[in-house]
Amino acid sequence: MIQVKEFVDVGSLSAEQKTNEFLATLQEEQVIEIKYSAGYRPNRDISEQRSCILVIYRTASVPAGKHEP
């Protein structure tokens, strides 16, 4: 099965840190694609940069060219 997991900067925890922790639990062949986006969020007197990382992955190993039942 193909799944999607989203990581967003929250407080002192960065999206990068949370993504790396999650990726460490996967086998390399499970990862299909990683997308990254950054933007600014106005916050009173300053703007904060926010990062978002999307990981598209397989929950079970399926050989290339084969379809899951």
PDB file of N, CA and C in Angstrom:
ATOM      1  N   MET A   1       0.843  -1.168   0.000  1.00  0.00           N
ATOM      2  CA  MET A   1       0.000   0.000   0.000  1.00  0.00           C
ATOM      3  C   MET A   1       0.895   1.240   0.000  1.00  0.00           C
ATOM      4  N   ILE A   2       0.501   2.247  -0.750  1.00  0.00           N
ATOM      5  CA  ILE A   2       1.239   3.509  -0.783  1.00  0.00           C
ATOM      6  C   ILE A   2       0.618   4.463   0.230  1.00  0.00           C
ATOM      7  N   GLN A   3       1.466   5.106   1.023  1.00  0.00           N
ATOM      8  CA  GLN A   3       1.017   6.032   2.061  1.00  0.00           C
ATOM      9  C   GLN A   3       1.744   7.363   1.912  1.00  0.00           C
ATOM     10  N   VAL A   4       1.196   8.390   2.550  1.00  0.00           N
ATOM     11  CA  VAL A   4       1.789   9.725   2.562  1.00  0.00           C
ATOM     12  C   VAL A   4       1.896  10.177   4.011  1.00  0.00           C
ATOM     13  N   LYS A   5       3.030  10.762   4.368  1.00  0.00           N
ATOM     14  CA  LYS A   5       3.200  11.311   5.718  1.00  0.00           C
ATOM     15  C   LYS A   5       3.746  12.724   5.581  1.00  0.00           C
ATOM     16  N   GLU A   6       3.134  13.666   6.306  1.00  0.00           N
ATOM     17  CA  GLU A   6       3.504  15.078   6.229  1.00  0.00           C
ATOM     18  C   GLU A   6       4.196  15.505   7.520  1.00  0.00           C
ATOM     19  N   PHE A   7       5.255  16.303   7.362  1.00  0.00           N
ATOM     20  CA  PHE A   7       5.992  16.840   8.503  1.00  0.00           C
ATOM     21  C   PHE A   7       6.046  18.355   8.366  1.00  0.00           C
ATOM     22  N   VAL A   8       5.649  19.072   9.422  1.00  0.00           N
ATOM     23  CA  VAL A   8       5.611  20.533   9.413  1.00  0.00           C
ATOM     24  C   VAL A   8       6.381  21.035  10.630  1.00  0.00           C
ATOM     25  N   ASP A   9       7.118  22.145  10.454  1.00  0.00           N
ATOM     26  CA  ASP A   9       7.804  22.761  11.591  1.00  0.00           C
ATOM     27  C   ASP A   9       6.784  23.107  12.669  1.00  0.00           C
ATOM     28  N   VAL A  10       7.054  22.690  13.908  1.00  0.00           N
ATOM     29  CA  VAL A  10       6.182  23.013  15.041  1.00  0.00           C
ATOM     30  C   VAL A  10       7.076  23.354  16.223  1.00  0.00           C
ATOM     31  N   GLY A  11       7.024  24.606  16.652  1.00  0.00           N
ATOM     32  CA  GLY A  11       7.844  25.015  17.791  1.00  0.00           C
ATOM     33  C   GLY A  11       9.313  24.757  17.544  1.00  0.00           C
ATOM     34  N   SER A  12       9.952  24.080  18.488  1.00  0.00           N
ATOM     35  CA  SER A  12      11.389  23.826  18.365  1.00  0.00           C
ATOM     36  C   SER A  12      11.698  22.559  17.567  1.00  0.00           C
ATOM     37  N   LEU A  13      10.671  21.771  17.248  1.00  0.00           N
ATOM     38  CA  LEU A  13      10.894  20.565  16.446  1.00  0.00           C
ATOM     39  C   LEU A  13      10.831  20.913  14.967  1.00  0.00           C
ATOM     40  N   SER A  14      11.914  20.667  14.264  1.00  0.00           N
ATOM     41  CA  SER A  14      11.934  20.996  12.842  1.00  0.00           C
ATOM     42  C   SER A  14      11.366  19.846  12.021  1.00  0.00           C
ATOM     43  N   ALA A  15      10.803  20.201  10.871  1.00  0.00           N
ATOM     44  CA  ALA A  15      10.289  19.194   9.947  1.00  0.00           C
ATOM     45  C   ALA A  15      11.418  18.265   9.514  1.00  0.00           C
ATOM     46  N   GLU A  16      12.604  18.826   9.331  1.00  0.00           N
ATOM     47  CA  GLU A  16      13.753  18.020   8.905  1.00  0.00           C
ATOM     48  C   GLU A  16      14.087  16.946   9.941  1.00  0.00           C
ATOM     49  N   GLN A  17      14.125  17.332  11.203  1.00  0.00           N
ATOM     50  CA  GLN A  17      14.448  16.385  12.274  1.00  0.00           C
ATOM     51  C   GLN A  17      13.409  15.270  12.341  1.00  0.00           C
ATOM     52  N   LYS A  18      12.127  15.634  12.307  1.00  0.00           N
ATOM     53  CA  LYS A  18      11.061  14.635  12.385  1.00  0.00           C
ATOM     54  C   LYS A  18      11.078  13.717  11.164  1.00  0.00           C
ATOM     55  N   THR A  19      11.360  14.288   9.986  1.00  0.00           N
ATOM     56  CA  THR A  19      11.417  13.480   8.764  1.00  0.00           C
ATOM     57  C   THR A  19      12.559  12.482   8.835  1.00  0.00           C
ATOM     58  N   ASN A  20      13.730  12.929   9.264  1.00  0.00           N
ATOM     59  CA  ASN A  20      14.879  12.023   9.364  1.00  0.00           C
ATOM     60  C   ASN A  20      14.622  10.889  10.350  1.00  0.00           C
ATOM     61  N   GLU A  21      13.953  11.184  11.451  1.00  0.00           N
ATOM     62  CA  GLU A  21      13.613  10.138  12.417  1.00  0.00           C
ATOM     63  C   GLU A  21      12.669   9.115  11.792  1.00  0.00           C
ATOM     64  N   PHE A  22      11.689   9.594  11.021  1.00  0.00           N
ATOM     65  CA  PHE A  22      10.745   8.694  10.358  1.00  0.00           C
ATOM     66  C   PHE A  22      11.445   7.863   9.285  1.00  0.00           C
ATOM     67  N   LEU A  23      12.278   8.518   8.464  1.00  0.00           N
ATOM     68  CA  LEU A  23      12.976   7.802   7.390  1.00  0.00           C
ATOM     69  C   LEU A  23      13.882   6.703   7.940  1.00  0.00           C
ATOM     70  N   ALA A  24      14.411   6.890   9.129  1.00  0.00           N
ATOM     71  CA  ALA A  24      15.273   5.876   9.746  1.00  0.00           C
ATOM     72  C   ALA A  24      14.507   4.585  10.038  1.00  0.00           C
ATOM     73  N   THR A  25      13.178   4.649  10.085  1.00  0.00           N
ATOM     74  CA  THR A  25      12.362   3.459  10.351  1.00  0.00           C
ATOM     75  C   THR A  25      12.006   2.705   9.073  1.00  0.00           C
ATOM     76  N   LEU A  26      12.295   3.292   7.904  1.00  0.00           N
ATOM     77  CA  LEU A  26      11.948   2.675   6.621  1.00  0.00           C
ATOM     78  C   LEU A  26      13.160   2.041   5.962  1.00  0.00           C
ATOM     79  N   GLN A  27      12.897   1.068   5.105  1.00  0.00           N
ATOM     80  CA  GLN A  27      13.925   0.534   4.223  1.00  0.00           C
ATOM     81  C   GLN A  27      14.016   1.479   3.027  1.00  0.00           C
ATOM     82  N   GLU A  28      15.198   1.607   2.443  1.00  0.00           N
ATOM     83  CA  GLU A  28      15.394   2.539   1.331  1.00  0.00           C
ATOM     84  C   GLU A  28      14.418   2.283   0.186  1.00  0.00           C
ATOM     85  N   GLU A  29      14.128   1.010  -0.113  1.00  0.00           N
ATOM     86  CA  GLU A  29      13.239   0.691  -1.235  1.00  0.00           C
ATOM     87  C   GLU A  29      11.776   1.039  -0.959  1.00  0.00           C
ATOM     88  N   GLN A  30      11.432   1.338   0.283  1.00  0.00           N
ATOM     89  CA  GLN A  30      10.064   1.745   0.606  1.00  0.00           C
ATOM     90  C   GLN A  30       9.793   3.198   0.216  1.00  0.00           C
ATOM     91  N   VAL A  31      10.816   4.024   0.158  1.00  0.00           N
ATOM     92  CA  VAL A  31      10.644   5.448  -0.130  1.00  0.00           C
ATOM     93  C   VAL A  31      10.437   5.639  -1.629  1.00  0.00           C
ATOM     94  N   ILE A  32       9.318   6.258  -1.980  1.00  0.00           N
ATOM     95  CA  ILE A  32       8.999   6.525  -3.381  1.00  0.00           C
ATOM     96  C   ILE A  32       9.465   7.918  -3.766  1.00  0.00           C
ATOM     97  N   GLU A  33       9.110   8.907  -2.935  1.00  0.00           N
ATOM     98  CA  GLU A  33       9.458  10.292  -3.258  1.00  0.00           C
ATOM     99  C   GLU A  33       9.390  11.150  -2.000  1.00  0.00           C
ATOM    100  N   ILE A  34      10.182  12.215  -2.004  1.00  0.00           N
ATOM    101  CA  ILE A  34      10.161  13.192  -0.916  1.00  0.00           C
ATOM    102  C   ILE A  34       9.977  14.566  -1.540  1.00  0.00           C
ATOM    103  N   LYS A  35       8.993  15.325  -1.052  1.00  0.00           N
ATOM    104  CA  LYS A  35       8.709  16.678  -1.541  1.00  0.00           C
ATOM    105  C   LYS A  35       8.974  17.668  -0.413  1.00  0.00           C
ATOM    106  N   TYR A  36       9.454  18.853  -0.782  1.00  0.00           N
ATOM    107  CA  TYR A  36       9.780  19.876   0.211  1.00  0.00           C
ATOM    108  C   TYR A  36       9.170  21.206  -0.214  1.00  0.00           C
ATOM    109  N   SER A  37       8.656  21.944   0.749  1.00  0.00           N
ATOM    110  CA  SER A  37       8.121  23.277   0.486  1.00  0.00           C
ATOM    111  C   SER A  37       8.441  24.169   1.678  1.00  0.00           C
ATOM    112  N   ALA A  38       8.726  25.428   1.397  1.00  0.00           N
ATOM    113  CA  ALA A  38       8.981  26.397   2.468  1.00  0.00           C
ATOM    114  C   ALA A  38       8.198  27.660   2.168  1.00  0.00           C
ATOM    115  N   GLY A  39       7.769  28.313   3.215  1.00  0.00           N
ATOM    116  CA  GLY A  39       7.037  29.560   3.058  1.00  0.00           C
ATOM    117  C   GLY A  39       7.184  30.400   4.311  1.00  0.00           C
ATOM    118  N   TYR A  40       6.638  31.584   4.250  1.00  0.00           N
ATOM    119  CA  TYR A  40       6.704  32.492   5.393  1.00  0.00           C
ATOM    120  C   TYR A  40       5.321  32.685   5.974  1.00  0.00           C
ATOM    121  N   ARG A  41       5.246  32.718   7.286  1.00  0.00           N
ATOM    122  CA  ARG A  41       3.993  32.942   7.998  1.00  0.00           C
ATOM    123  C   ARG A  41       4.148  34.205   8.825  1.00  0.00           C
ATOM    124  N   PRO A  42       3.328  35.225   8.533  1.00  0.00           N
ATOM    125  CA  PRO A  42       3.416  36.455   9.326  1.00  0.00           C
ATOM    126  C   PRO A  42       3.035  36.180  10.785  1.00  0.00           C
ATOM    127  N   ASN A  43       3.798  36.756  11.697  1.00  0.00           N
ATOM    128  CA  ASN A  43       3.559  36.556  13.121  1.00  0.00           C
ATOM    129  C   ASN A  43       3.856  37.864  13.850  1.00  0.00           C
ATOM    130  N   ARG A  44       2.852  38.669  14.044  1.00  0.00           N
ATOM    131  CA  ARG A  44       2.962  39.993  14.682  1.00  0.00           C
ATOM    132  C   ARG A  44       4.022  40.851  14.016  1.00  0.00           C
ATOM    133  N   ASP A  45       5.187  41.032  14.647  1.00  0.00           N
ATOM    134  CA  ASP A  45       6.216  41.930  14.123  1.00  0.00           C
ATOM    135  C   ASP A  45       7.215  41.257  13.192  1.00  0.00           C
ATOM    136  N   ILE A  46       7.218  39.927  13.162  1.00  0.00           N
ATOM    137  CA  ILE A  46       8.199  39.225  12.332  1.00  0.00           C
ATOM    138  C   ILE A  46       7.510  38.169  11.469  1.00  0.00           C
ATOM    139  N   SER A  47       8.221  37.695  10.474  1.00  0.00           N
ATOM    140  CA  SER A  47       7.735  36.581   9.662  1.00  0.00           C
ATOM    141  C   SER A  47       8.573  35.355   9.983  1.00  0.00           C
ATOM    142  N   GLU A  48       7.906  34.232  10.110  1.00  0.00           N
ATOM    143  CA  GLU A  48       8.602  32.982  10.397  1.00  0.00           C
ATOM    144  C   GLU A  48       8.625  32.118   9.152  1.00  0.00           C
ATOM    145  N   GLN A  49       9.780  31.505   8.881  1.00  0.00           N
ATOM    146  CA  GLN A  49       9.831  30.547   7.786  1.00  0.00           C
ATOM    147  C   GLN A  49       9.305  29.223   8.301  1.00  0.00           C
ATOM    148  N   ARG A  50       8.418  28.613   7.539  1.00  0.00           N
ATOM    149  CA  ARG A  50       7.864  27.305   7.886  1.00  0.00           C
ATOM    150  C   ARG A  50       8.232  26.323   6.789  1.00  0.00           C
ATOM    151  N   SER A  51       8.664  25.150   7.175  1.00  0.00           N
ATOM    152  CA  SER A  51       9.008  24.104   6.220  1.00  0.00           C
ATOM    153  C   SER A  51       8.000  22.974   6.318  1.00  0.00           C
ATOM    154  N   CYS A  52       7.731  22.357   5.185  1.00  0.00           N
ATOM    155  CA  CYS A  52       6.835  21.212   5.127  1.00  0.00           C
ATOM    156  C   CYS A  52       7.487  20.158   4.236  1.00  0.00           C
ATOM    157  N   ILE A  53       7.546  18.939   4.723  1.00  0.00           N
ATOM    158  CA  ILE A  53       8.138  17.837   3.970  1.00  0.00           C
ATOM    159  C   ILE A  53       7.094  16.730   3.862  1.00  0.00           C
ATOM    160  N   LEU A  54       6.925  16.225   2.650  1.00  0.00           N
ATOM    161  CA  LEU A  54       5.962  15.166   2.373  1.00  0.00           C
ATOM    162  C   LEU A  54       6.734  13.929   1.927  1.00  0.00           C
ATOM    163  N   VAL A  55       6.510  12.813   2.609  1.00  0.00           N
ATOM    164  CA  VAL A  55       7.172  11.559   2.259  1.00  0.00           C
ATOM    165  C   VAL A  55       6.115  10.611   1.697  1.00  0.00           C
ATOM    166  N   ILE A  56       6.348  10.134   0.483  1.00  0.00           N
ATOM    167  CA  ILE A  56       5.476   9.150  -0.146  1.00  0.00           C
ATOM    168  C   ILE A  56       6.233   7.824  -0.075  1.00  0.00           C
ATOM    169  N   TYR A  57       5.599   6.808   0.517  1.00  0.00           N
ATOM    170  CA  TYR A  57       6.311   5.558   0.778  1.00  0.00           C
ATOM    171  C   TYR A  57       5.387   4.350   0.690  1.00  0.00           C
ATOM    172  N   ARG A  58       5.990   3.176   0.578  1.00  0.00           N
ATOM    173  CA  ARG A  58       5.256   1.910   0.586  1.00  0.00           C
ATOM    174  C   ARG A  58       5.288   1.333   1.997  1.00  0.00           C
ATOM    175  N   THR A  59       4.152   0.789   2.431  1.00  0.00           N
ATOM    176  CA  THR A  59       4.113   0.171   3.754  1.00  0.00           C
ATOM    177  C   THR A  59       4.627  -1.260   3.713  1.00  0.00           C
ATOM    178  N   ALA A  60       4.603  -1.886   2.548  1.00  0.00           N
ATOM    179  CA  ALA A  60       5.122  -3.252   2.400  1.00  0.00           C
ATOM    180  C   ALA A  60       6.026  -3.284   1.182  1.00  0.00           C
ATOM    181  N   SER A  61       7.080  -4.077   1.254  1.00  0.00           N
ATOM    182  CA  SER A  61       7.985  -4.187   0.113  1.00  0.00           C
ATOM    183  C   SER A  61       7.305  -4.952  -1.013  1.00  0.00           C
ATOM    184  N   VAL A  62       7.276  -4.335  -2.181  1.00  0.00           N
ATOM    185  CA  VAL A  62       6.709  -4.961  -3.368  1.00  0.00           C
ATOM    186  C   VAL A  62       7.753  -4.852  -4.460  1.00  0.00           C
ATOM    187  N   PRO A  63       8.152  -5.958  -5.078  1.00  0.00           N
ATOM    188  CA  PRO A  63       9.150  -5.885  -6.144  1.00  0.00           C
ATOM    189  C   PRO A  63       8.700  -4.955  -7.260  1.00  0.00           C
ATOM    190  N   ALA A  64       9.647  -4.248  -7.862  1.00  0.00           N
ATOM    191  CA  ALA A  64       9.337  -3.319  -8.950  1.00  0.00           C
ATOM    192  C   ALA A  64       8.600  -4.052 -10.063  1.00  0.00           C
ATOM    193  N   GLY A  65       7.586  -3.408 -10.617  1.00  0.00           N
ATOM    194  CA  GLY A  65       6.816  -3.990 -11.709  1.00  0.00           C
ATOM    195  C   GLY A  65       5.688  -4.892 -11.246  1.00  0.00           C
ATOM    196  N   LYS A  66       5.619  -5.184  -9.957  1.00  0.00           N
ATOM    197  CA  LYS A  66       4.552  -6.027  -9.411  1.00  0.00           C
ATOM    198  C   LYS A  66       3.496  -5.139  -8.770  1.00  0.00           C
ATOM    199  N   HIS A  67       2.263  -5.588  -8.814  1.00  0.00           N
ATOM    200  CA  HIS A  67       1.171  -4.846  -8.194  1.00  0.00           C
ATOM    201  C   HIS A  67       0.761  -5.534  -6.904  1.00  0.00           C
ATOM    202  N   GLU A  68       0.372  -4.729  -5.940  1.00  0.00           N
ATOM    203  CA  GLU A  68      -0.122  -5.294  -4.685  1.00  0.00           C
ATOM    204  C   GLU A  68      -1.509  -5.854  -4.912  1.00  0.00           C
ATOM    205  N   PRO A  69      -1.887  -6.919  -4.217  1.00  0.00           N
ATOM    206  CA  PRO A  69      -3.231  -7.504  -4.399  1.00  0.00           C
ATOM    207  C   PRO A  69      -4.322  -6.570  -3.942  1.00  0.00           C
TER     208      PRO A  69
END
